[in-house]
Amino acid sequence: MKLTLAYSPVACSLVPYILLTEAGAEFDTLAVNLKKGENDSAEYRRINPKQRVPALIIDGDPLTENVAIQIWIARQYPQAKLLPSDPMQYAKAISVMAWCASGIHPKLTQQARPERYCDLPGTADNVRAHGSHSAFEYFAIAEDMLAGREWFFDHFTCADAYFYWCFRRCTFFGPDTTVFKNCTTHLQRMEQRPSVQKLLAYEKQVQAEFAKAA
């Protein structure tokens, strides 16, 4: 089986990168420079007409949407135990992943790309501020969920990888996220994992290659 992950630095495509690494899967990457608009190219649209990363190309067949990709990885590599085995806990893990995708993620995009929400002159700062406020409301919920726990469930799962991206991404926007002690500890714990260390090294490599090609 040949796997290729469409990936861009800092973007949420880091989640399947981490999970594929956790699973011990062999995979290639297709680096997509979002700043140069490579996701809007005809070549990439043939892979993902939605013009987003990640996309996981499985024997030539692209799978899109982060939650779907994560579930596929977990099911394809059950030995990695990337989702809980108990049916209720399994569903709750997917609930956390869906929350990251449909709840937290849009509030991060609102801060990174305010023009997608309102393009009236002089509104960008207000749009960002509302996005930050909503993201902080969600992190307060996660703070309670992580109280007294290392992971969202009894062991590391896909939910931890996706939330790691969400919380890490928010740290790029300026507000003091360290007020969320449990979330910050979770981020630090994640960055001790070999899979995340590999991801962070690869991220720097791709960023350097993009900068050199600019």
C-alpha atoms as a PDB file:
ATOM      1  CA  MET A   1       0.000   0.000   0.000  1.00  0.00           C
ATOM      2  CA  LYS A   2       1.368   3.398  -0.994  1.00  0.00           C
ATOM      3  CA  LEU A   3       0.476   6.377   1.167  1.00  0.00           C
ATOM      4  CA  THR A   4       1.144  10.028   0.381  1.00  0.00           C
ATOM      5  CA  LEU A   5       0.131  12.790   2.761  1.00  0.00           C
ATOM      6  CA  ALA A   6      -0.546  16.257   1.363  1.00  0.00           C
ATOM      7  CA  TYR A   7       1.006  18.419   4.049  1.00  0.00           C
ATOM      8  CA  SER A   8       1.700  22.065   4.788  1.00  0.00           C
ATOM      9  CA  PRO A   9       3.713  23.419   7.745  1.00  0.00           C
ATOM     10  CA  VAL A  10       1.736  24.604  10.795  1.00  0.00           C
ATOM     11  CA  ALA A  11      -1.552  23.536   9.165  1.00  0.00           C
ATOM     12  CA  CYS A  12      -3.770  20.789  10.588  1.00  0.00           C
ATOM     13  CA  SER A  13      -2.145  18.286   8.228  1.00  0.00           C
ATOM     14  CA  LEU A  14       0.342  17.782  11.059  1.00  0.00           C
ATOM     15  CA  VAL A  15      -2.322  15.639  12.773  1.00  0.00           C
ATOM     16  CA  PRO A  16      -2.274  12.709  10.313  1.00  0.00           C
ATOM     17  CA  TYR A  17       1.516  13.081  10.057  1.00  0.00           C
ATOM     18  CA  ILE A  18       1.746  12.431  13.797  1.00  0.00           C
ATOM     19  CA  LEU A  19      -0.745   9.565  13.671  1.00  0.00           C
ATOM     20  CA  LEU A  20       0.873   7.829  10.706  1.00  0.00           C
ATOM     21  CA  THR A  21       4.175   8.062  12.557  1.00  0.00           C
ATOM     22  CA  GLU A  22       2.589   6.693  15.742  1.00  0.00           C
ATOM     23  CA  ALA A  23       1.212   3.802  13.688  1.00  0.00           C
ATOM     24  CA  GLY A  24       4.595   2.978  12.196  1.00  0.00           C
ATOM     25  CA  ALA A  25       3.202   3.489   8.698  1.00  0.00           C
ATOM     26  CA  GLU A  26       5.450   4.073   5.716  1.00  0.00           C
ATOM     27  CA  PHE A  27       4.334   7.203   3.891  1.00  0.00           C
ATOM     28  CA  ASP A  28       5.552   9.927   1.593  1.00  0.00           C
ATOM     29  CA  THR A  29       4.611  13.578   1.795  1.00  0.00           C
ATOM     30  CA  LEU A  30       3.499  16.094  -0.788  1.00  0.00           C
ATOM     31  CA  ALA A  31       4.493  19.506   0.557  1.00  0.00           C
ATOM     32  CA  VAL A  32       1.890  22.125  -0.358  1.00  0.00           C
ATOM     33  CA  ASN A  33       2.866  25.786   0.004  1.00  0.00           C
ATOM     34  CA  LEU A  34      -0.353  27.455   1.073  1.00  0.00           C
ATOM     35  CA  LYS A  35       1.235  30.920   1.110  1.00  0.00           C
ATOM     36  CA  LYS A  36       1.995  30.580  -2.603  1.00  0.00           C
ATOM     37  CA  GLY A  37      -1.490  29.244  -3.296  1.00  0.00           C
ATOM     38  CA  GLU A  38      -0.342  25.807  -4.414  1.00  0.00           C
ATOM     39  CA  ASN A  39      -3.559  24.391  -2.951  1.00  0.00           C
ATOM     40  CA  ASP A  40      -5.392  26.339  -5.677  1.00  0.00           C
ATOM     41  CA  SER A  41      -3.357  24.832  -8.514  1.00  0.00           C
ATOM     42  CA  ALA A  42      -4.968  22.591 -11.114  1.00  0.00           C
ATOM     43  CA  GLU A  43      -2.616  19.793 -10.054  1.00  0.00           C
ATOM     44  CA  TYR A  44      -3.683  19.930  -6.433  1.00  0.00           C
ATOM     45  CA  ARG A  45      -7.366  20.367  -7.259  1.00  0.00           C
ATOM     46  CA  ARG A  46      -7.199  16.965  -8.953  1.00  0.00           C
ATOM     47  CA  ILE A  47      -6.152  15.559  -5.574  1.00  0.00           C
ATOM     48  CA  ASN A  48      -8.547  17.624  -3.462  1.00  0.00           C
ATOM     49  CA  PRO A  49     -11.121  19.842  -5.185  1.00  0.00           C
ATOM     50  CA  LYS A  50     -11.791  21.422  -1.762  1.00  0.00           C
ATOM     51  CA  GLN A  51      -8.309  22.983  -2.006  1.00  0.00           C
ATOM     52  CA  ARG A  52      -7.354  22.114   1.559  1.00  0.00           C
ATOM     53  CA  VAL A  53      -4.816  20.025   3.418  1.00  0.00           C
ATOM     54  CA  PRO A  54      -4.615  17.350   4.568  1.00  0.00           C
ATOM     55  CA  ALA A  55      -5.412  14.811   1.927  1.00  0.00           C
ATOM     56  CA  LEU A  56      -4.195  11.239   2.291  1.00  0.00           C
ATOM     57  CA  ILE A  57      -3.644   9.524  -1.047  1.00  0.00           C
ATOM     58  CA  ILE A  58      -4.107   5.788  -0.545  1.00  0.00           C
ATOM     59  CA  ASP A  59      -2.930   3.748  -3.540  1.00  0.00           C
ATOM     60  CA  GLY A  60      -3.808   6.711  -5.743  1.00  0.00           C
ATOM     61  CA  ASP A  61      -7.221   7.308  -4.156  1.00  0.00           C
ATOM     62  CA  PRO A  62      -7.412  10.590  -2.195  1.00  0.00           C
ATOM     63  CA  LEU A  63      -9.184  10.682   1.158  1.00  0.00           C
ATOM     64  CA  THR A  64     -10.025  14.147   2.466  1.00  0.00           C
ATOM     65  CA  GLU A  65     -11.320  15.665   5.736  1.00  0.00           C
ATOM     66  CA  ASN A  66      -9.175  15.342   8.819  1.00  0.00           C
ATOM     67  CA  VAL A  67     -11.586  13.327  10.962  1.00  0.00           C
ATOM     68  CA  ALA A  68     -12.113  10.774   8.193  1.00  0.00           C
ATOM     69  CA  ILE A  69      -8.367  10.449   7.640  1.00  0.00           C
ATOM     70  CA  GLN A  70      -7.757   9.950  11.350  1.00  0.00           C
ATOM     71  CA  ILE A  71     -10.410   7.234  11.623  1.00  0.00           C
ATOM     72  CA  TRP A  72      -8.983   5.473   8.557  1.00  0.00           C
ATOM     73  CA  ILE A  73      -5.488   5.487  10.080  1.00  0.00           C
ATOM     74  CA  ALA A  74      -6.812   4.171  13.402  1.00  0.00           C
ATOM     75  CA  ARG A  75      -8.733   1.356  11.711  1.00  0.00           C
ATOM     76  CA  GLN A  76      -5.950   0.486   9.278  1.00  0.00           C
ATOM     77  CA  TYR A  77      -3.399   0.221  12.085  1.00  0.00           C
ATOM     78  CA  PRO A  78      -5.376  -1.180  15.045  1.00  0.00           C
ATOM     79  CA  GLN A  79      -2.193  -2.259  16.832  1.00  0.00           C
ATOM     80  CA  ALA A  80      -1.398   1.422  17.439  1.00  0.00           C
ATOM     81  CA  LYS A  81      -4.594   1.801  19.508  1.00  0.00           C
ATOM     82  CA  LEU A  82      -5.235   5.295  18.168  1.00  0.00           C
ATOM     83  CA  LEU A  83      -8.878   5.126  19.231  1.00  0.00           C
ATOM     84  CA  PRO A  84     -10.404   3.524  22.349  1.00  0.00           C
ATOM     85  CA  SER A  85     -11.699  -0.038  21.975  1.00  0.00           C
ATOM     86  CA  ASP A  86     -14.798   0.484  24.130  1.00  0.00           C
ATOM     87  CA  PRO A  87     -17.723   1.503  21.847  1.00  0.00           C
ATOM     88  CA  MET A  88     -18.829   4.445  24.011  1.00  0.00           C
ATOM     89  CA  GLN A  89     -15.290   5.723  24.493  1.00  0.00           C
ATOM     90  CA  TYR A  90     -14.684   5.259  20.757  1.00  0.00           C
ATOM     91  CA  ALA A  91     -17.694   7.439  19.992  1.00  0.00           C
ATOM     92  CA  LYS A  92     -16.623  10.016  22.563  1.00  0.00           C
ATOM     93  CA  ALA A  93     -13.165  10.204  21.000  1.00  0.00           C
ATOM     94  CA  ILE A  94     -14.745  10.901  17.626  1.00  0.00           C
ATOM     95  CA  SER A  95     -16.882  13.512  19.376  1.00  0.00           C
ATOM     96  CA  VAL A  96     -13.717  15.315  20.548  1.00  0.00           C
ATOM     97  CA  MET A  97     -12.233  15.073  17.052  1.00  0.00           C
ATOM     98  CA  ALA A  98     -15.426  16.459  15.488  1.00  0.00           C
ATOM     99  CA  TRP A  99     -15.423  19.275  18.059  1.00  0.00           C
ATOM    100  CA  CYS A 100     -11.871  20.157  17.061  1.00  0.00           C
ATOM    101  CA  ALA A 101     -12.883  20.136  13.390  1.00  0.00           C
ATOM    102  CA  SER A 102     -16.196  21.973  13.497  1.00  0.00           C
ATOM    103  CA  GLY A 103     -15.936  23.959  16.722  1.00  0.00           C
ATOM    104  CA  ILE A 104     -12.384  25.028  17.525  1.00  0.00           C
ATOM    105  CA  HIS A 105     -10.816  24.949  14.059  1.00  0.00           C
ATOM    106  CA  PRO A 106     -13.103  27.616  12.523  1.00  0.00           C
ATOM    107  CA  LYS A 107     -12.263  29.984  15.393  1.00  0.00           C
ATOM    108  CA  LEU A 108      -8.579  29.594  14.576  1.00  0.00           C
ATOM    109  CA  THR A 109      -9.220  30.268  10.896  1.00  0.00           C
ATOM    110  CA  GLN A 110     -11.150  33.366  11.979  1.00  0.00           C
ATOM    111  CA  GLN A 111      -7.952  34.669  13.564  1.00  0.00           C
ATOM    112  CA  ALA A 112      -5.636  33.610  10.740  1.00  0.00           C
ATOM    113  CA  ARG A 113      -7.897  34.645   7.839  1.00  0.00           C
ATOM    114  CA  PRO A 114     -10.406  37.250   9.088  1.00  0.00           C
ATOM    115  CA  GLU A 115     -11.210  38.303   5.521  1.00  0.00           C
ATOM    116  CA  ARG A 116     -13.024  34.996   5.037  1.00  0.00           C
ATOM    117  CA  TYR A 117     -15.516  36.114   7.679  1.00  0.00           C
ATOM    118  CA  CYS A 118     -15.840  39.816   6.890  1.00  0.00           C
ATOM    119  CA  ASP A 119     -13.991  41.788   4.206  1.00  0.00           C
ATOM    120  CA  LEU A 120     -15.274  45.242   5.138  1.00  0.00           C
ATOM    121  CA  PRO A 121     -12.415  47.706   5.691  1.00  0.00           C
ATOM    122  CA  GLY A 122     -11.285  48.055   9.296  1.00  0.00           C
ATOM    123  CA  THR A 123     -13.042  44.940  10.590  1.00  0.00           C
ATOM    124  CA  ALA A 124     -10.133  42.465  10.722  1.00  0.00           C
ATOM    125  CA  ASP A 125      -9.114  43.164  14.311  1.00  0.00           C
ATOM    126  CA  ASN A 126     -12.687  42.830  15.551  1.00  0.00           C
ATOM    127  CA  VAL A 127     -13.152  39.542  13.692  1.00  0.00           C
ATOM    128  CA  ARG A 128      -9.909  38.200  15.159  1.00  0.00           C
ATOM    129  CA  ALA A 129     -10.905  39.277  18.663  1.00  0.00           C
ATOM    130  CA  HIS A 130     -14.245  37.460  18.445  1.00  0.00           C
ATOM    131  CA  GLY A 131     -12.476  34.356  17.140  1.00  0.00           C
ATOM    132  CA  SER A 132     -10.002  34.472  20.013  1.00  0.00           C
ATOM    133  CA  HIS A 133     -12.788  34.892  22.572  1.00  0.00           C
ATOM    134  CA  SER A 134     -14.687  31.890  21.211  1.00  0.00           C
ATOM    135  CA  ALA A 135     -11.527  29.759  21.058  1.00  0.00           C
ATOM    136  CA  PHE A 136     -10.792  30.595  24.699  1.00  0.00           C
ATOM    137  CA  GLU A 137     -14.315  29.517  25.663  1.00  0.00           C
ATOM    138  CA  TYR A 138     -13.618  26.146  24.040  1.00  0.00           C
ATOM    139  CA  PHE A 139     -10.214  25.821  25.712  1.00  0.00           C
ATOM    140  CA  ALA A 140     -11.869  26.415  29.088  1.00  0.00           C
ATOM    141  CA  ILE A 141     -14.010  23.334  28.373  1.00  0.00           C
ATOM    142  CA  ALA A 142     -10.938  21.328  27.370  1.00  0.00           C
ATOM    143  CA  GLU A 143      -9.196  22.523  30.527  1.00  0.00           C
ATOM    144  CA  ASP A 144     -11.890  20.794  32.594  1.00  0.00           C
ATOM    145  CA  MET A 145     -11.803  17.687  30.409  1.00  0.00           C
ATOM    146  CA  LEU A 146      -8.054  17.333  30.978  1.00  0.00           C
ATOM    147  CA  ALA A 147      -8.133  17.960  34.729  1.00  0.00           C
ATOM    148  CA  GLY A 148      -6.200  15.187  36.494  1.00  0.00           C
ATOM    149  CA  ARG A 149      -5.535  13.393  33.203  1.00  0.00           C
ATOM    150  CA  GLU A 150      -2.586  12.900  30.884  1.00  0.00           C
ATOM    151  CA  TRP A 151      -4.780  12.359  27.815  1.00  0.00           C
ATOM    152  CA  PHE A 152      -8.419  12.861  26.903  1.00  0.00           C
ATOM    153  CA  PHE A 153      -8.943   9.109  27.335  1.00  0.00           C
ATOM    154  CA  ASP A 154      -7.100   6.305  29.105  1.00  0.00           C
ATOM    155  CA  HIS A 155      -4.222   6.471  26.622  1.00  0.00           C
ATOM    156  CA  PHE A 156      -3.023   8.644  23.753  1.00  0.00           C
ATOM    157  CA  THR A 157      -5.528   8.762  20.890  1.00  0.00           C
ATOM    158  CA  CYS A 158      -6.361  10.692  17.741  1.00  0.00           C
ATOM    159  CA  ALA A 159      -8.252  13.161  19.927  1.00  0.00           C
ATOM    160  CA  ASP A 160      -5.006  14.200  21.601  1.00  0.00           C
ATOM    161  CA  ALA A 161      -3.259  14.764  18.282  1.00  0.00           C
ATOM    162  CA  TYR A 162      -6.058  16.924  16.923  1.00  0.00           C
ATOM    163  CA  PHE A 163      -6.433  18.979  20.082  1.00  0.00           C
ATOM    164  CA  TYR A 164      -2.653  19.458  20.161  1.00  0.00           C
ATOM    165  CA  TRP A 165      -2.834  21.120  16.770  1.00  0.00           C
ATOM    166  CA  CYS A 166      -5.741  23.328  17.844  1.00  0.00           C
ATOM    167  CA  PHE A 167      -4.058  24.563  21.001  1.00  0.00           C
ATOM    168  CA  ARG A 168      -0.627  24.934  19.396  1.00  0.00           C
ATOM    169  CA  ARG A 169      -2.111  26.902  16.496  1.00  0.00           C
ATOM    170  CA  CYS A 170      -3.753  29.335  18.880  1.00  0.00           C
ATOM    171  CA  THR A 171      -0.407  30.078  20.520  1.00  0.00           C
ATOM    172  CA  PHE A 172       0.692  31.702  17.242  1.00  0.00           C
ATOM    173  CA  PHE A 173      -1.927  34.453  17.512  1.00  0.00           C
ATOM    174  CA  GLY A 174      -0.740  36.300  20.613  1.00  0.00           C
ATOM    175  CA  PRO A 175      -3.244  35.849  23.482  1.00  0.00           C
ATOM    176  CA  ASP A 176      -1.772  34.223  26.599  1.00  0.00           C
ATOM    177  CA  THR A 177      -2.819  30.584  26.345  1.00  0.00           C
ATOM    178  CA  THR A 178      -0.724  29.640  29.397  1.00  0.00           C
ATOM    179  CA  VAL A 179      -3.747  30.539  31.547  1.00  0.00           C
ATOM    180  CA  PHE A 180      -4.970  27.071  30.530  1.00  0.00           C
ATOM    181  CA  LYS A 181      -2.610  25.049  32.695  1.00  0.00           C
ATOM    182  CA  ASN A 182      -3.932  21.593  31.779  1.00  0.00           C
ATOM    183  CA  CYS A 183      -4.005  22.363  28.072  1.00  0.00           C
ATOM    184  CA  THR A 184      -0.469  23.738  28.232  1.00  0.00           C
ATOM    185  CA  THR A 185       0.757  20.653  30.084  1.00  0.00           C
ATOM    186  CA  HIS A 186      -0.966  18.489  27.456  1.00  0.00           C
ATOM    187  CA  LEU A 187       0.846  20.399  24.701  1.00  0.00           C
ATOM    188  CA  GLN A 188       4.170  19.929  26.459  1.00  0.00           C
ATOM    189  CA  ARG A 189       3.464  16.236  26.997  1.00  0.00           C
ATOM    190  CA  MET A 190       2.628  15.864  23.312  1.00  0.00           C
ATOM    191  CA  GLU A 191       5.905  17.499  22.311  1.00  0.00           C
ATOM    192  CA  GLN A 192       7.815  14.874  24.277  1.00  0.00           C
ATOM    193  CA  ARG A 193       6.459  12.122  22.031  1.00  0.00           C
ATOM    194  CA  PRO A 194       8.910  10.922  19.348  1.00  0.00           C
ATOM    195  CA  SER A 195       6.195  11.238  16.686  1.00  0.00           C
ATOM    196  CA  VAL A 196       5.705  14.921  17.465  1.00  0.00           C
ATOM    197  CA  GLN A 197       9.438  15.579  17.662  1.00  0.00           C
ATOM    198  CA  LYS A 198       9.762  14.035  14.202  1.00  0.00           C
ATOM    199  CA  LEU A 199       6.892  16.213  12.976  1.00  0.00           C
ATOM    200  CA  LEU A 200       8.429  19.405  14.370  1.00  0.00           C
ATOM    201  CA  ALA A 201      11.788  18.625  12.741  1.00  0.00           C
ATOM    202  CA  TYR A 202      10.081  17.943   9.422  1.00  0.00           C
ATOM    203  CA  GLU A 203       8.060  21.145   9.748  1.00  0.00           C
ATOM    204  CA  LYS A 204      11.255  23.190  10.097  1.00  0.00           C
ATOM    205  CA  GLN A 205      12.755  21.400   7.103  1.00  0.00           C
ATOM    206  CA  VAL A 206       9.794  22.183   4.863  1.00  0.00           C
ATOM    207  CA  GLN A 207       9.626  25.795   6.064  1.00  0.00           C
ATOM    208  CA  ALA A 208      13.305  26.210   5.198  1.00  0.00           C
ATOM    209  CA  GLU A 209      12.744  24.702   1.737  1.00  0.00           C
ATOM    210  CA  PHE A 210       9.783  27.024   1.121  1.00  0.00           C
ATOM    211  CA  ALA A 211      11.821  30.037   2.253  1.00  0.00           C
ATOM    212  CA  LYS A 212      14.701  29.081  -0.027  1.00  0.00           C
ATOM    213  CA  ALA A 213      12.367  28.738  -3.001  1.00  0.00           C
ATOM    214  CA  ALA A 214      10.675  32.096  -2.346  1.00  0.00           C
END
